[in-house]
Amino acid sequence: MANLASTVAMLLAVSAIVFLAVSNKRVNEAALANKVEVERRVAEKDDDIKNCQTSVSEKSNQISALKTKVDGVKEQVKQVQVEINPIAGVSEKEVEALSQELAALQTKFEEVNAQIAGLGSTSTLGTTV
């Protein structure tokens, strides 16, 4: 009976070892499958991150180019403002006064031209007669 008990105990021990080995193999296979899936997901996420970094880099370059353009436009605005400021300071009264002065000078110019024309016509009359 002792032999039978030790044989049964050995068989139980061997079957327990086989069971643990089979279970361990299944756990290892599941772990390996999980590892492969995780590595695949990590690779996908890496690709997503690289694509995002590329997009961010492109957008950053576009933003830099737009900032440069904005700075150029701001400089142009400053230059135009420098030209406009003196004009903006001129009042309507000043414009009206200058217009009247110009009209008066135009009238004087026409009078002088008329006098010159009159002088030229009398001098030509005296020489031809």
Protein backbone atom coordinates (compact mmCIF):
# COMPACT_ATOMS: atom_id res chain seq x y z
CA MET A 1 0.00 0.00 0.00
CA ALA A 2 2.84 2.28 0.68
CA ASN A 3 4.02 1.65 -2.84
CA LEU A 4 0.62 2.43 -4.19
CA ALA A 5 0.39 5.61 -2.14
CA SER A 6 3.84 6.77 -3.23
CA THR A 7 3.02 5.93 -6.86
CA VAL A 8 -0.24 7.87 -6.67
CA ALA A 9 1.57 10.75 -4.99
CA MET A 10 4.19 10.70 -7.76
CA LEU A 11 1.53 10.57 -10.43
CA LEU A 12 -0.28 13.47 -8.80
CA ALA A 13 2.97 15.42 -8.58
CA VAL A 14 3.82 14.67 -12.22
CA SER A 15 0.32 15.62 -13.37
CA ALA A 16 0.55 18.82 -11.31
CA ILE A 17 3.88 19.60 -12.96
CA VAL A 18 2.44 18.88 -16.41
CA PHE A 19 -0.61 20.99 -15.60
CA LEU A 20 1.58 23.88 -14.41
CA ALA A 21 3.79 23.55 -17.49
CA VAL A 22 0.77 23.61 -19.82
CA SER A 23 -0.73 26.53 -17.89
CA ASN A 24 2.59 28.35 -17.95
CA LYS A 25 2.84 27.77 -21.70
CA ARG A 26 -0.67 29.22 -22.20
CA VAL A 27 0.15 32.20 -19.99
CA ASN A 28 3.38 32.76 -21.93
CA GLU A 29 1.52 32.53 -25.26
CA ALA A 30 -1.10 35.02 -24.03
CA ALA A 31 1.64 37.31 -22.73
CA LEU A 32 3.45 37.06 -26.06
CA ALA A 33 0.24 37.84 -27.97
CA ASN A 34 -0.36 40.82 -25.67
CA LYS A 35 3.23 41.96 -26.15
CA VAL A 36 2.87 41.77 -29.94
CA GLU A 37 -0.39 43.75 -29.78
CA VAL A 38 1.14 46.38 -27.50
CA GLU A 39 4.18 46.71 -29.80
CA ARG A 40 1.84 47.12 -32.79
CA ARG A 41 -0.14 49.83 -30.98
CA VAL A 42 3.05 51.58 -29.90
CA ALA A 43 4.29 51.54 -33.49
CA GLU A 44 0.96 53.03 -34.66
CA LYS A 45 1.15 55.72 -31.99
CA ASP A 46 4.76 56.42 -32.96
CA ASP A 47 3.63 56.95 -36.53
CA ASP A 48 0.82 59.21 -35.32
CA ILE A 49 3.29 61.21 -33.23
CA LYS A 50 5.69 61.55 -36.19
CA ASN A 51 2.82 62.74 -38.40
CA CYS A 52 1.78 65.24 -35.74
CA GLN A 53 5.36 66.48 -35.40
CA THR A 54 5.56 66.93 -39.17
CA SER A 55 2.28 68.84 -39.17
CA VAL A 56 3.40 70.99 -36.25
CA SER A 57 6.68 71.73 -38.02
CA GLU A 58 4.85 72.72 -41.22
CA LYS A 59 2.39 74.90 -39.30
CA SER A 60 5.26 76.48 -37.39
CA ASN A 61 6.99 77.35 -40.66
CA GLN A 62 3.74 78.79 -42.03
CA ILE A 63 3.26 80.85 -38.87
CA SER A 64 6.83 82.14 -39.10
CA ALA A 65 6.29 83.13 -42.73
CA LEU A 66 3.04 84.89 -41.83
CA LYS A 67 4.74 86.71 -38.95
CA THR A 68 7.39 87.90 -41.37
CA LYS A 69 4.69 89.14 -43.76
CA VAL A 70 2.85 90.86 -40.91
CA ASP A 71 6.06 92.57 -39.83
CA GLY A 72 6.59 93.76 -43.42
CA VAL A 73 3.05 95.10 -43.62
CA LYS A 74 3.47 96.83 -40.25
CA GLU A 75 6.61 98.51 -41.56
CA GLN A 76 4.76 99.63 -44.69
CA VAL A 77 1.96 101.00 -42.52
CA LYS A 78 4.50 102.94 -40.46
CA GLN A 79 6.02 104.43 -43.63
CA VAL A 80 2.61 105.42 -44.98
CA GLN A 81 1.66 106.85 -41.58
CA VAL A 82 4.78 109.02 -41.68
CA GLU A 83 3.61 110.33 -45.06
CA ILE A 84 0.01 110.78 -43.92
CA ASN A 85 0.68 112.50 -40.60
CA PRO A 86 1.76 115.85 -42.14
CA ILE A 87 -1.22 115.77 -44.48
CA ALA A 88 -3.59 114.89 -41.66
CA GLY A 89 -2.44 117.96 -39.74
CA VAL A 90 -3.58 120.31 -42.52
CA SER A 91 -6.94 121.90 -41.74
CA GLU A 92 -9.67 122.74 -44.22
CA LYS A 93 -9.07 126.44 -43.53
CA GLU A 94 -5.42 126.06 -44.51
CA VAL A 95 -6.42 124.25 -47.69
CA GLU A 96 -8.98 126.97 -48.48
CA ALA A 97 -6.44 129.72 -47.82
CA LEU A 98 -3.86 128.02 -50.04
CA SER A 99 -6.52 127.53 -52.75
CA GLN A 100 -7.37 131.23 -52.64
CA GLU A 101 -3.71 132.16 -52.72
CA LEU A 102 -3.22 129.87 -55.70
CA ALA A 103 -6.23 131.40 -57.45
CA ALA A 104 -4.85 134.89 -56.81
CA LEU A 105 -1.45 133.89 -58.18
CA GLN A 106 -3.14 132.32 -61.20
CA THR A 107 -5.03 135.56 -61.82
CA LYS A 108 -1.82 137.60 -61.51
CA PHE A 109 -0.10 135.16 -63.86
CA GLU A 110 -2.85 135.60 -66.43
CA GLU A 111 -2.68 139.41 -66.06
CA VAL A 112 1.08 139.38 -66.55
CA ASN A 113 0.70 137.12 -69.58
CA ALA A 114 -1.91 139.50 -70.97
CA GLN A 115 0.42 142.46 -70.39
CA ILE A 116 3.28 140.59 -72.05
CA ALA A 117 1.03 139.72 -74.95
CA GLY A 118 -0.02 143.38 -75.16
CA LEU A 119 3.57 144.51 -75.13
CA GLY A 120 4.49 142.00 -77.75
CA SER A 121 1.66 143.07 -80.04
CA THR A 122 2.49 146.80 -79.81
CA SER A 123 6.16 146.21 -80.43
CA THR A 124 5.41 144.11 -83.47
CA LEU A 125 2.98 146.74 -84.75
CA GLY A 126 5.60 149.47 -84.40
CA THR A 127 8.19 147.53 -86.28
CA THR A 128 6.01 146.53 -89.17
CA VAL A 129 4.56 149.95 -89.86
